[in-house]
Amino acid sequence: MRSSRLLRLAIGAMVVPLVLMLIACVVPSPRTLGLFLGPGMGAAAISLVAFLLYVLRDLRGRGAL
């Protein structure tokens, strides 16, 4: 795969909010919820954009777009 860096970025960026969500569920406090809703949701948005770019590049490379 030529653009596997985008896929690795998407996976790595999605791990951050998932871990923060688990921490917020186990220890619900304003600080953990703030970490999940602030940087965690930002990392999730970056992950979704990176995955969308990966899919679009793959489709363009296969001639589907």
N, C-alpha and C. Protein backbone atom coordinates (compact mmCIF):
# COMPACT_ATOMS: atom_id res chain seq x y z
N MET A 1 0.84 -1.18 0.00
CA MET A 1 0.00 0.00 0.00
C MET A 1 0.88 1.23 0.00
N ARG A 2 0.53 2.17 -0.84
CA ARG A 2 1.38 3.35 -0.88
C ARG A 2 1.04 4.35 0.20
N SER A 3 -0.20 4.48 0.58
CA SER A 3 -0.54 5.50 1.57
C SER A 3 -0.97 4.85 2.89
N SER A 4 -0.20 3.88 3.33
CA SER A 4 -0.55 3.22 4.58
C SER A 4 -0.26 4.13 5.79
N ARG A 5 0.50 5.22 5.56
CA ARG A 5 0.73 6.16 6.66
C ARG A 5 -0.58 6.82 7.08
N LEU A 6 -1.44 7.11 6.12
CA LEU A 6 -2.74 7.70 6.45
C LEU A 6 -3.58 6.73 7.27
N LEU A 7 -3.53 5.47 6.91
CA LEU A 7 -4.30 4.47 7.64
C LEU A 7 -3.75 4.31 9.06
N ARG A 8 -2.43 4.29 9.19
CA ARG A 8 -1.84 4.21 10.53
C ARG A 8 -2.17 5.43 11.37
N LEU A 9 -2.19 6.61 10.73
CA LEU A 9 -2.57 7.83 11.44
C LEU A 9 -4.02 7.75 11.90
N ALA A 10 -4.90 7.26 11.04
CA ALA A 10 -6.32 7.14 11.39
C ALA A 10 -6.51 6.17 12.57
N ILE A 11 -5.82 5.07 12.54
CA ILE A 11 -5.95 4.09 13.62
C ILE A 11 -5.36 4.65 14.92
N GLY A 12 -4.20 5.25 14.83
CA GLY A 12 -3.56 5.80 16.02
C GLY A 12 -4.35 6.94 16.62
N ALA A 13 -4.92 7.78 15.77
CA ALA A 13 -5.71 8.90 16.27
C ALA A 13 -7.03 8.44 16.86
N MET A 14 -7.55 7.30 16.45
CA MET A 14 -8.80 6.80 17.01
C MET A 14 -8.57 6.08 18.34
N VAL A 15 -7.37 5.60 18.57
CA VAL A 15 -7.07 4.93 19.84
C VAL A 15 -7.14 5.93 20.99
N VAL A 16 -6.71 7.16 20.75
CA VAL A 16 -6.69 8.18 21.80
C VAL A 16 -8.08 8.42 22.39
N PRO A 17 -9.11 8.73 21.57
CA PRO A 17 -10.43 8.94 22.18
C PRO A 17 -11.02 7.68 22.80
N LEU A 18 -10.70 6.51 22.25
CA LEU A 18 -11.23 5.29 22.83
C LEU A 18 -10.65 5.05 24.23
N VAL A 19 -9.36 5.29 24.39
CA VAL A 19 -8.74 5.13 25.71
C VAL A 19 -9.28 6.18 26.68
N LEU A 20 -9.41 7.42 26.22
CA LEU A 20 -9.95 8.47 27.08
C LEU A 20 -11.40 8.20 27.46
N MET A 21 -12.16 7.61 26.54
CA MET A 21 -13.54 7.26 26.85
C MET A 21 -13.61 6.19 27.93
N LEU A 22 -12.75 5.18 27.83
CA LEU A 22 -12.73 4.13 28.86
C LEU A 22 -12.33 4.70 30.21
N ILE A 23 -11.35 5.60 30.21
CA ILE A 23 -10.95 6.22 31.47
C ILE A 23 -12.08 7.05 32.04
N ALA A 24 -12.79 7.79 31.18
CA ALA A 24 -13.91 8.62 31.64
C ALA A 24 -15.06 7.76 32.16
N CYS A 25 -15.22 6.57 31.62
CA CYS A 25 -16.29 5.68 32.11
C CYS A 25 -15.92 5.07 33.46
N VAL A 26 -14.65 4.75 33.65
CA VAL A 26 -14.22 4.13 34.89
C VAL A 26 -14.14 5.16 36.02
N VAL A 27 -13.57 6.33 35.71
CA VAL A 27 -13.40 7.39 36.71
C VAL A 27 -14.11 8.65 36.20
N PRO A 28 -15.42 8.73 36.34
CA PRO A 28 -16.11 9.91 35.82
C PRO A 28 -15.89 11.14 36.71
N SER A 29 -15.11 12.05 36.20
CA SER A 29 -14.88 13.31 36.89
C SER A 29 -14.88 14.41 35.83
N PRO A 30 -15.01 15.65 36.23
CA PRO A 30 -14.99 16.72 35.23
C PRO A 30 -13.71 16.75 34.40
N ARG A 31 -12.58 16.40 35.01
CA ARG A 31 -11.31 16.41 34.28
C ARG A 31 -11.27 15.31 33.21
N THR A 32 -11.68 14.10 33.55
CA THR A 32 -11.64 13.02 32.56
C THR A 32 -12.67 13.25 31.45
N LEU A 33 -13.84 13.75 31.80
CA LEU A 33 -14.84 14.06 30.78
C LEU A 33 -14.37 15.20 29.88
N GLY A 34 -13.70 16.17 30.47
CA GLY A 34 -13.15 17.27 29.67
C GLY A 34 -12.07 16.80 28.72
N LEU A 35 -11.22 15.87 29.20
CA LEU A 35 -10.19 15.31 28.31
C LEU A 35 -10.81 14.53 27.16
N PHE A 36 -11.88 13.81 27.45
CA PHE A 36 -12.53 13.04 26.39
C PHE A 36 -13.23 13.96 25.39
N LEU A 37 -13.96 14.95 25.89
CA LEU A 37 -14.73 15.81 25.00
C LEU A 37 -13.86 16.85 24.28
N GLY A 38 -12.72 17.21 24.85
CA GLY A 38 -11.85 18.19 24.22
C GLY A 38 -10.87 17.56 23.24
N PRO A 39 -9.70 17.18 23.72
CA PRO A 39 -8.70 16.58 22.83
C PRO A 39 -9.13 15.24 22.24
N GLY A 40 -9.94 14.49 22.97
CA GLY A 40 -10.37 13.18 22.46
C GLY A 40 -11.23 13.31 21.21
N MET A 41 -12.17 14.23 21.24
CA MET A 41 -13.03 14.41 20.06
C MET A 41 -12.27 15.06 18.91
N GLY A 42 -11.28 15.88 19.24
CA GLY A 42 -10.42 16.43 18.18
C GLY A 42 -9.61 15.35 17.48
N ALA A 43 -9.10 14.44 18.27
CA ALA A 43 -8.34 13.31 17.69
C ALA A 43 -9.26 12.42 16.87
N ALA A 44 -10.50 12.24 17.30
CA ALA A 44 -11.45 11.43 16.54
C ALA A 44 -11.77 12.10 15.20
N ALA A 45 -11.90 13.42 15.19
CA ALA A 45 -12.15 14.14 13.94
C ALA A 45 -10.97 14.01 12.99
N ILE A 46 -9.76 14.11 13.52
CA ILE A 46 -8.57 13.94 12.68
C ILE A 46 -8.53 12.53 12.12
N SER A 47 -8.91 11.55 12.93
CA SER A 47 -8.92 10.17 12.49
C SER A 47 -9.91 9.96 11.35
N LEU A 48 -11.09 10.52 11.47
CA LEU A 48 -12.10 10.36 10.41
C LEU A 48 -11.67 11.04 9.11
N VAL A 49 -11.06 12.20 9.21
CA VAL A 49 -10.59 12.89 8.00
C VAL A 49 -9.46 12.10 7.35
N ALA A 50 -8.54 11.58 8.15
CA ALA A 50 -7.44 10.79 7.59
C ALA A 50 -7.96 9.53 6.91
N PHE A 51 -8.96 8.88 7.49
CA PHE A 51 -9.52 7.68 6.88
C PHE A 51 -10.26 8.02 5.59
N LEU A 52 -10.97 9.15 5.58
CA LEU A 52 -11.66 9.59 4.37
C LEU A 52 -10.66 9.86 3.25
N LEU A 53 -9.56 10.51 3.58
CA LEU A 53 -8.52 10.76 2.57
C LEU A 53 -7.93 9.45 2.06
N TYR A 54 -7.73 8.50 2.96
CA TYR A 54 -7.20 7.19 2.56
C TYR A 54 -8.14 6.50 1.58
N VAL A 55 -9.43 6.52 1.89
CA VAL A 55 -10.43 5.87 1.03
C VAL A 55 -10.50 6.57 -0.33
N LEU A 56 -10.52 7.90 -0.31
CA LEU A 56 -10.59 8.63 -1.58
C LEU A 56 -9.37 8.39 -2.45
N ARG A 57 -8.18 8.36 -1.84
CA ARG A 57 -6.97 8.08 -2.63
C ARG A 57 -6.99 6.66 -3.19
N ASP A 58 -7.48 5.72 -2.40
CA ASP A 58 -7.56 4.35 -2.87
C ASP A 58 -8.54 4.22 -4.03
N LEU A 59 -9.69 4.86 -3.91
CA LEU A 59 -10.67 4.79 -4.98
C LEU A 59 -10.16 5.48 -6.25
N ARG A 60 -9.48 6.60 -6.07
CA ARG A 60 -8.93 7.28 -7.24
C ARG A 60 -7.84 6.44 -7.89
N GLY A 61 -7.03 5.74 -7.07
CA GLY A 61 -5.98 4.89 -7.61
C GLY A 61 -6.52 3.69 -8.37
N ARG A 62 -7.69 3.20 -7.98
CA ARG A 62 -8.30 2.07 -8.66
C ARG A 62 -9.14 2.48 -9.85
N GLY A 63 -9.29 3.79 -10.05
CA GLY A 63 -10.07 4.28 -11.18
C GLY A 63 -11.57 4.31 -10.93
N ALA A 64 -11.97 4.21 -9.67
CA ALA A 64 -13.39 4.23 -9.36
C ALA A 64 -13.93 5.65 -9.27
N LEU A 65 -13.07 6.61 -9.12
CA LEU A 65 -13.49 8.01 -9.09
C LEU A 65 -12.97 8.76 -10.26
